[in-house]
Amino acid sequence: MKFTVDKYDRYVVIEPLRERLDGETAASLKGEFMLRNTGGQRNIVLDLNNVIATDEAGIRTGLLARRLCKSSGGLFILTNLNEDVLNFINSLGLDKYFIITPNIEKAKDLIFGNEIRLDLKEEQQ
């Protein structure tokens, strides 16, 4: 599966370059999520700008990324979802597990807010 990975200081943006996020592509994404998380990235943004359809296996891969990020104090954020993908996530009842933003800028705001909170928490200890 082809995707782009843009690394920043406090987060990474992964953008699949396929129109379908399914079980076949999920394995590649799973490996990338694990690689980024074990490499010290606790915040991952999955930009679904190019994705027009998904299946349950594709979306469930995001649950793994969510667990990885959460265990290290970070956030996993889905962004740029089209209406069909968003409706599919809602139909599975997974919308309550994911942070979903309309664009990368909103995702960045959430990440930096979380990072400030973590920094303040560390200072107080």
N, C-alpha and C. Protein backbone atom coordinates (compact mmCIF):
# COMPACT_ATOMS: atom_id res chain seq x y z
N MET A 1 0.83 -1.17 0.00
CA MET A 1 0.00 0.00 0.00
C MET A 1 0.88 1.23 0.00
N LYS A 2 0.48 2.21 -0.75
CA LYS A 2 1.23 3.45 -0.79
C LYS A 2 0.57 4.48 0.12
N PHE A 3 1.41 5.19 0.85
CA PHE A 3 0.94 6.29 1.69
C PHE A 3 2.09 7.25 1.91
N THR A 4 1.75 8.47 2.28
CA THR A 4 2.78 9.43 2.63
C THR A 4 2.86 9.52 4.14
N VAL A 5 4.06 9.83 4.62
CA VAL A 5 4.28 10.02 6.04
C VAL A 5 5.00 11.35 6.21
N ASP A 6 4.35 12.29 6.86
CA ASP A 6 4.96 13.58 7.15
C ASP A 6 5.21 13.66 8.64
N LYS A 7 6.51 13.73 9.00
CA LYS A 7 6.89 13.77 10.41
C LYS A 7 7.10 15.22 10.85
N TYR A 8 6.56 15.53 12.01
CA TYR A 8 6.74 16.83 12.64
C TYR A 8 7.28 16.59 14.04
N ASP A 9 7.57 17.66 14.74
CA ASP A 9 8.18 17.54 16.05
C ASP A 9 7.34 16.72 17.02
N ARG A 10 6.05 16.98 17.07
CA ARG A 10 5.21 16.34 18.09
C ARG A 10 4.15 15.38 17.52
N TYR A 11 4.14 15.20 16.22
CA TYR A 11 3.13 14.32 15.62
C TYR A 11 3.59 13.87 14.24
N VAL A 12 2.87 12.88 13.71
CA VAL A 12 3.11 12.38 12.37
C VAL A 12 1.76 12.30 11.66
N VAL A 13 1.77 12.65 10.37
CA VAL A 13 0.56 12.56 9.54
C VAL A 13 0.78 11.45 8.53
N ILE A 14 -0.11 10.47 8.53
CA ILE A 14 -0.05 9.36 7.58
C ILE A 14 -1.26 9.51 6.65
N GLU A 15 -0.99 9.54 5.35
CA GLU A 15 -2.06 9.72 4.37
C GLU A 15 -2.04 8.59 3.35
N PRO A 16 -3.01 7.67 3.43
CA PRO A 16 -3.09 6.60 2.42
C PRO A 16 -3.33 7.21 1.03
N LEU A 17 -2.69 6.66 0.03
CA LEU A 17 -2.83 7.15 -1.33
C LEU A 17 -3.71 6.22 -2.16
N ARG A 18 -4.64 5.57 -1.50
CA ARG A 18 -5.60 4.69 -2.16
C ARG A 18 -7.00 5.18 -1.86
N GLU A 19 -7.92 4.81 -2.73
CA GLU A 19 -9.31 5.21 -2.54
C GLU A 19 -10.06 4.30 -1.58
N ARG A 20 -9.50 3.14 -1.29
CA ARG A 20 -10.18 2.19 -0.42
C ARG A 20 -9.27 1.79 0.74
N LEU A 21 -9.79 1.90 1.94
CA LEU A 21 -9.09 1.46 3.13
C LEU A 21 -9.76 0.17 3.58
N ASP A 22 -9.11 -0.94 3.28
CA ASP A 22 -9.72 -2.25 3.57
C ASP A 22 -8.71 -3.15 4.26
N GLY A 23 -9.08 -4.40 4.43
CA GLY A 23 -8.23 -5.36 5.11
C GLY A 23 -6.86 -5.50 4.48
N GLU A 24 -6.81 -5.41 3.17
CA GLU A 24 -5.54 -5.53 2.45
C GLU A 24 -4.59 -4.38 2.81
N THR A 25 -5.12 -3.19 2.87
CA THR A 25 -4.29 -2.02 3.19
C THR A 25 -4.07 -1.89 4.69
N ALA A 26 -4.94 -2.50 5.47
CA ALA A 26 -4.84 -2.38 6.92
C ALA A 26 -3.53 -2.94 7.46
N ALA A 27 -3.03 -4.02 6.90
CA ALA A 27 -1.79 -4.63 7.38
C ALA A 27 -0.62 -3.67 7.24
N SER A 28 -0.55 -2.98 6.12
CA SER A 28 0.53 -2.00 5.92
C SER A 28 0.42 -0.86 6.91
N LEU A 29 -0.80 -0.38 7.10
CA LEU A 29 -1.00 0.72 8.05
C LEU A 29 -0.68 0.29 9.48
N LYS A 30 -1.06 -0.92 9.82
CA LYS A 30 -0.79 -1.43 11.16
C LYS A 30 0.71 -1.40 11.43
N GLY A 31 1.49 -1.88 10.48
CA GLY A 31 2.94 -1.86 10.63
C GLY A 31 3.49 -0.45 10.77
N GLU A 32 2.94 0.47 9.99
CA GLU A 32 3.40 1.87 10.05
C GLU A 32 3.03 2.49 11.39
N PHE A 33 1.82 2.22 11.89
CA PHE A 33 1.43 2.75 13.20
C PHE A 33 2.38 2.26 14.29
N MET A 34 2.69 0.97 14.27
CA MET A 34 3.57 0.39 15.28
C MET A 34 4.98 0.96 15.17
N LEU A 35 5.47 1.10 13.95
CA LEU A 35 6.79 1.66 13.72
C LEU A 35 6.89 3.08 14.26
N ARG A 36 5.92 3.90 13.94
CA ARG A 36 5.93 5.30 14.39
C ARG A 36 5.82 5.40 15.90
N ASN A 37 4.96 4.59 16.48
CA ASN A 37 4.76 4.65 17.93
C ASN A 37 6.00 4.18 18.68
N THR A 38 6.58 3.06 18.27
CA THR A 38 7.79 2.57 18.94
C THR A 38 8.98 3.49 18.66
N GLY A 39 8.90 4.27 17.60
CA GLY A 39 9.95 5.24 17.29
C GLY A 39 9.81 6.54 18.05
N GLY A 40 8.82 6.63 18.95
CA GLY A 40 8.69 7.80 19.80
C GLY A 40 7.58 8.76 19.42
N GLN A 41 6.85 8.48 18.36
CA GLN A 41 5.73 9.35 17.99
C GLN A 41 4.49 8.91 18.75
N ARG A 42 4.02 9.74 19.67
CA ARG A 42 2.84 9.36 20.43
C ARG A 42 1.56 9.94 19.85
N ASN A 43 1.68 10.85 18.89
CA ASN A 43 0.52 11.46 18.24
C ASN A 43 0.52 11.12 16.76
N ILE A 44 -0.55 10.48 16.31
CA ILE A 44 -0.66 10.09 14.91
C ILE A 44 -1.96 10.65 14.34
N VAL A 45 -1.83 11.29 13.18
CA VAL A 45 -3.00 11.78 12.45
C VAL A 45 -3.13 10.93 11.20
N LEU A 46 -4.28 10.31 11.00
CA LEU A 46 -4.55 9.54 9.79
C LEU A 46 -5.42 10.41 8.89
N ASP A 47 -4.82 10.92 7.83
CA ASP A 47 -5.50 11.81 6.89
C ASP A 47 -6.15 10.97 5.80
N LEU A 48 -7.47 10.90 5.80
CA LEU A 48 -8.21 10.07 4.86
C LEU A 48 -8.71 10.88 3.66
N ASN A 49 -7.98 11.90 3.30
CA ASN A 49 -8.34 12.79 2.20
C ASN A 49 -8.60 12.05 0.89
N ASN A 50 -7.83 11.02 0.59
CA ASN A 50 -7.96 10.27 -0.66
C ASN A 50 -8.91 9.08 -0.56
N VAL A 51 -9.31 8.72 0.63
CA VAL A 51 -10.11 7.50 0.86
C VAL A 51 -11.59 7.82 0.65
N ILE A 52 -12.21 7.08 -0.26
CA ILE A 52 -13.64 7.29 -0.51
C ILE A 52 -14.49 6.13 0.00
N ALA A 53 -13.85 5.02 0.39
CA ALA A 53 -14.58 3.86 0.91
C ALA A 53 -13.69 3.08 1.86
N THR A 54 -14.34 2.39 2.79
CA THR A 54 -13.60 1.58 3.74
C THR A 54 -14.45 0.38 4.13
N ASP A 55 -13.80 -0.56 4.79
CA ASP A 55 -14.55 -1.68 5.36
C ASP A 55 -14.19 -1.79 6.83
N GLU A 56 -14.78 -2.75 7.51
CA GLU A 56 -14.58 -2.87 8.95
C GLU A 56 -13.13 -3.14 9.32
N ALA A 57 -12.44 -3.96 8.54
CA ALA A 57 -11.04 -4.26 8.83
C ALA A 57 -10.17 -3.01 8.72
N GLY A 58 -10.45 -2.19 7.73
CA GLY A 58 -9.69 -0.96 7.57
C GLY A 58 -9.86 -0.01 8.73
N ILE A 59 -11.09 0.13 9.19
CA ILE A 59 -11.37 1.04 10.30
C ILE A 59 -10.85 0.48 11.61
N ARG A 60 -10.96 -0.81 11.80
CA ARG A 60 -10.50 -1.41 13.06
C ARG A 60 -8.99 -1.26 13.25
N THR A 61 -8.24 -1.09 12.18
CA THR A 61 -6.81 -0.84 12.31
C THR A 61 -6.58 0.45 13.08
N GLY A 62 -7.49 1.39 12.90
CA GLY A 62 -7.40 2.64 13.65
C GLY A 62 -7.53 2.44 15.15
N LEU A 63 -8.26 1.41 15.55
CA LEU A 63 -8.39 1.13 16.99
C LEU A 63 -7.05 0.73 17.59
N LEU A 64 -6.25 0.00 16.82
CA LEU A 64 -4.90 -0.35 17.28
C LEU A 64 -4.08 0.92 17.46
N ALA A 65 -4.10 1.79 16.46
CA ALA A 65 -3.34 3.03 16.54
C ALA A 65 -3.81 3.86 17.74
N ARG A 66 -5.10 3.88 17.97
CA ARG A 66 -5.65 4.63 19.11
C ARG A 66 -5.08 4.09 20.42
N ARG A 67 -5.05 2.76 20.57
CA ARG A 67 -4.50 2.15 21.79
C ARG A 67 -3.02 2.47 21.95
N LEU A 68 -2.26 2.39 20.85
CA LEU A 68 -0.83 2.69 20.91
C LEU A 68 -0.59 4.13 21.36
N CYS A 69 -1.31 5.05 20.75
CA CYS A 69 -1.14 6.46 21.08
C CYS A 69 -1.58 6.74 22.51
N LYS A 70 -2.72 6.21 22.88
CA LYS A 70 -3.26 6.46 24.22
C LYS A 70 -2.33 5.92 25.30
N SER A 71 -1.72 4.76 25.07
CA SER A 71 -0.84 4.16 26.08
C SER A 71 0.41 5.01 26.33
N SER A 72 0.77 5.85 25.38
CA SER A 72 1.94 6.72 25.57
C SER A 72 1.53 8.17 25.86
N GLY A 73 0.24 8.39 26.13
CA GLY A 73 -0.24 9.72 26.47
C GLY A 73 -0.58 10.59 25.27
N GLY A 74 -0.54 10.00 24.08
CA GLY A 74 -0.79 10.77 22.87
C GLY A 74 -2.21 10.61 22.34
N LEU A 75 -2.40 11.16 21.14
CA LEU A 75 -3.70 11.13 20.49
C LEU A 75 -3.60 10.48 19.11
N PHE A 76 -4.66 9.76 18.75
CA PHE A 76 -4.82 9.27 17.38
C PHE A 76 -6.03 9.99 16.82
N ILE A 77 -5.84 10.66 15.69
CA ILE A 77 -6.91 11.49 15.13
C ILE A 77 -7.16 11.12 13.68
N LEU A 78 -8.42 10.96 13.33
CA LEU A 78 -8.84 10.78 11.94
C LEU A 78 -9.25 12.15 11.41
N THR A 79 -8.83 12.46 10.19
CA THR A 79 -9.18 13.75 9.62
C THR A 79 -9.50 13.63 8.13
N ASN A 80 -10.19 14.63 7.63
CA ASN A 80 -10.56 14.72 6.21
C ASN A 80 -11.37 13.51 5.73
N LEU A 81 -12.34 13.09 6.53
CA LEU A 81 -13.20 11.96 6.15
C LEU A 81 -14.30 12.44 5.22
N ASN A 82 -14.58 11.64 4.20
CA ASN A 82 -15.75 11.99 3.38
C ASN A 82 -17.00 11.47 4.09
N GLU A 83 -18.14 11.87 3.60
CA GLU A 83 -19.40 11.56 4.28
C GLU A 83 -19.66 10.05 4.37
N ASP A 84 -19.34 9.29 3.31
CA ASP A 84 -19.57 7.85 3.34
C ASP A 84 -18.72 7.15 4.40
N VAL A 85 -17.46 7.54 4.50
CA VAL A 85 -16.57 6.93 5.50
C VAL A 85 -17.03 7.30 6.90
N LEU A 86 -17.39 8.55 7.11
CA LEU A 86 -17.88 8.99 8.41
C LEU A 86 -19.16 8.24 8.79
N ASN A 87 -20.07 8.10 7.86
CA ASN A 87 -21.32 7.36 8.12
C ASN A 87 -21.04 5.90 8.45
N PHE A 88 -20.06 5.31 7.78
CA PHE A 88 -19.70 3.92 8.05
C PHE A 88 -19.16 3.78 9.48
N ILE A 89 -18.28 4.69 9.88
CA ILE A 89 -17.74 4.67 11.25
C ILE A 89 -18.88 4.81 12.27
N ASN A 90 -19.78 5.74 11.99
CA ASN A 90 -20.94 5.94 12.88
C ASN A 90 -21.81 4.69 12.96
N SER A 91 -22.02 4.02 11.82
CA SER A 91 -22.87 2.83 11.80
C SER A 91 -22.28 1.68 12.62
N LEU A 92 -20.96 1.66 12.74
CA LEU A 92 -20.29 0.64 13.55
C LEU A 92 -20.25 1.03 15.03
N GLY A 93 -20.64 2.25 15.33
CA GLY A 93 -20.58 2.74 16.70
C GLY A 93 -19.19 3.10 17.16
N LEU A 94 -18.28 3.28 16.20
CA LEU A 94 -16.89 3.57 16.55
C LEU A 94 -16.59 5.06 16.65
N ASP A 95 -17.56 5.89 16.33
CA ASP A 95 -17.34 7.33 16.39
C ASP A 95 -17.03 7.79 17.82
N LYS A 96 -17.49 7.05 18.81
CA LYS A 96 -17.21 7.43 20.20
C LYS A 96 -15.79 7.05 20.62
N TYR A 97 -15.11 6.23 19.84
CA TYR A 97 -13.74 5.83 20.16
C TYR A 97 -12.69 6.69 19.45
N PHE A 98 -13.07 7.28 18.34
CA PHE A 98 -12.12 8.06 17.55
C PHE A 98 -12.29 9.55 17.76
N ILE A 99 -11.19 10.26 17.69
CA ILE A 99 -11.22 11.71 17.60
C ILE A 99 -11.25 12.00 16.10
N ILE A 100 -12.27 12.71 15.66
CA ILE A 100 -12.44 13.00 14.23
C ILE A 100 -12.48 14.51 14.06
N THR A 101 -11.61 15.02 13.18
CA THR A 101 -11.58 16.45 12.91
C THR A 101 -11.81 16.68 11.41
N PRO A 102 -12.31 17.87 11.07
CA PRO A 102 -12.57 18.16 9.66
C PRO A 102 -11.31 18.40 8.83
N ASN A 103 -10.19 18.76 9.49
CA ASN A 103 -8.96 19.04 8.75
C ASN A 103 -7.74 18.89 9.66
N ILE A 104 -6.57 18.96 9.06
CA ILE A 104 -5.32 18.77 9.80
C ILE A 104 -5.09 19.90 10.80
N GLU A 105 -5.48 21.11 10.47
CA GLU A 105 -5.29 22.23 11.39
C GLU A 105 -5.99 21.99 12.72
N LYS A 106 -7.22 21.48 12.67
CA LYS A 106 -7.95 21.18 13.91
C LYS A 106 -7.26 20.05 14.68
N ALA A 107 -6.74 19.08 13.95
CA ALA A 107 -6.02 17.98 14.59
C ALA A 107 -4.78 18.51 15.31
N LYS A 108 -4.04 19.40 14.64
CA LYS A 108 -2.86 20.01 15.25
C LYS A 108 -3.22 20.75 16.53
N ASP A 109 -4.32 21.48 16.51
CA ASP A 109 -4.75 22.22 17.71
C ASP A 109 -4.98 21.27 18.88
N LEU A 110 -5.65 20.15 18.62
CA LEU A 110 -5.90 19.18 19.68
C LEU A 110 -4.60 18.57 20.20
N ILE A 111 -3.70 18.26 19.28
CA ILE A 111 -2.41 17.67 19.67
C ILE A 111 -1.62 18.64 20.54
N PHE A 112 -1.51 19.89 20.11
CA PHE A 112 -0.73 20.84 20.88
C PHE A 112 -1.37 21.14 22.23
N GLY A 113 -2.69 21.15 22.29
CA GLY A 113 -3.37 21.30 23.57
C GLY A 113 -3.05 20.15 24.51
N ASN A 114 -3.06 18.94 23.97
CA ASN A 114 -2.73 17.76 24.76
C ASN A 114 -1.28 17.78 25.20
N GLU A 115 -0.38 18.20 24.33
CA GLU A 115 1.05 18.27 24.67
C GLU A 115 1.30 19.29 25.78
N ILE A 116 0.62 20.42 25.71
CA ILE A 116 0.77 21.44 26.77
C ILE A 116 0.28 20.88 28.10
N ARG A 117 -0.85 20.18 28.05
CA ARG A 117 -1.39 19.57 29.26
C ARG A 117 -0.39 18.57 29.85
N LEU A 118 0.22 17.75 29.00
CA LEU A 118 1.20 16.77 29.47
C LEU A 118 2.44 17.45 30.04
N ASP A 119 2.90 18.52 29.37
CA ASP A 119 4.07 19.25 29.85
C ASP A 119 3.80 19.86 31.23
N LEU A 120 2.62 20.44 31.41
CA LEU A 120 2.26 21.03 32.71
C LEU A 120 2.16 19.96 33.78
N LYS A 121 1.63 18.82 33.42
CA LYS A 121 1.50 17.71 34.37
C LYS A 121 2.88 17.24 34.83
N GLU A 122 3.84 17.17 33.89
CA GLU A 122 5.20 16.76 34.23
C GLU A 122 5.86 17.78 35.16
N GLU A 123 5.63 19.06 34.91
CA GLU A 123 6.22 20.11 35.72
C GLU A 123 5.71 20.07 37.16
N GLN A 124 4.47 19.67 37.34
CA GLN A 124 3.87 19.63 38.67
C GLN A 124 4.33 18.44 39.49
N GLN A 125 4.91 17.47 38.85
CA GLN A 125 5.34 16.25 39.57
C GLN A 125 6.72 16.40 40.12
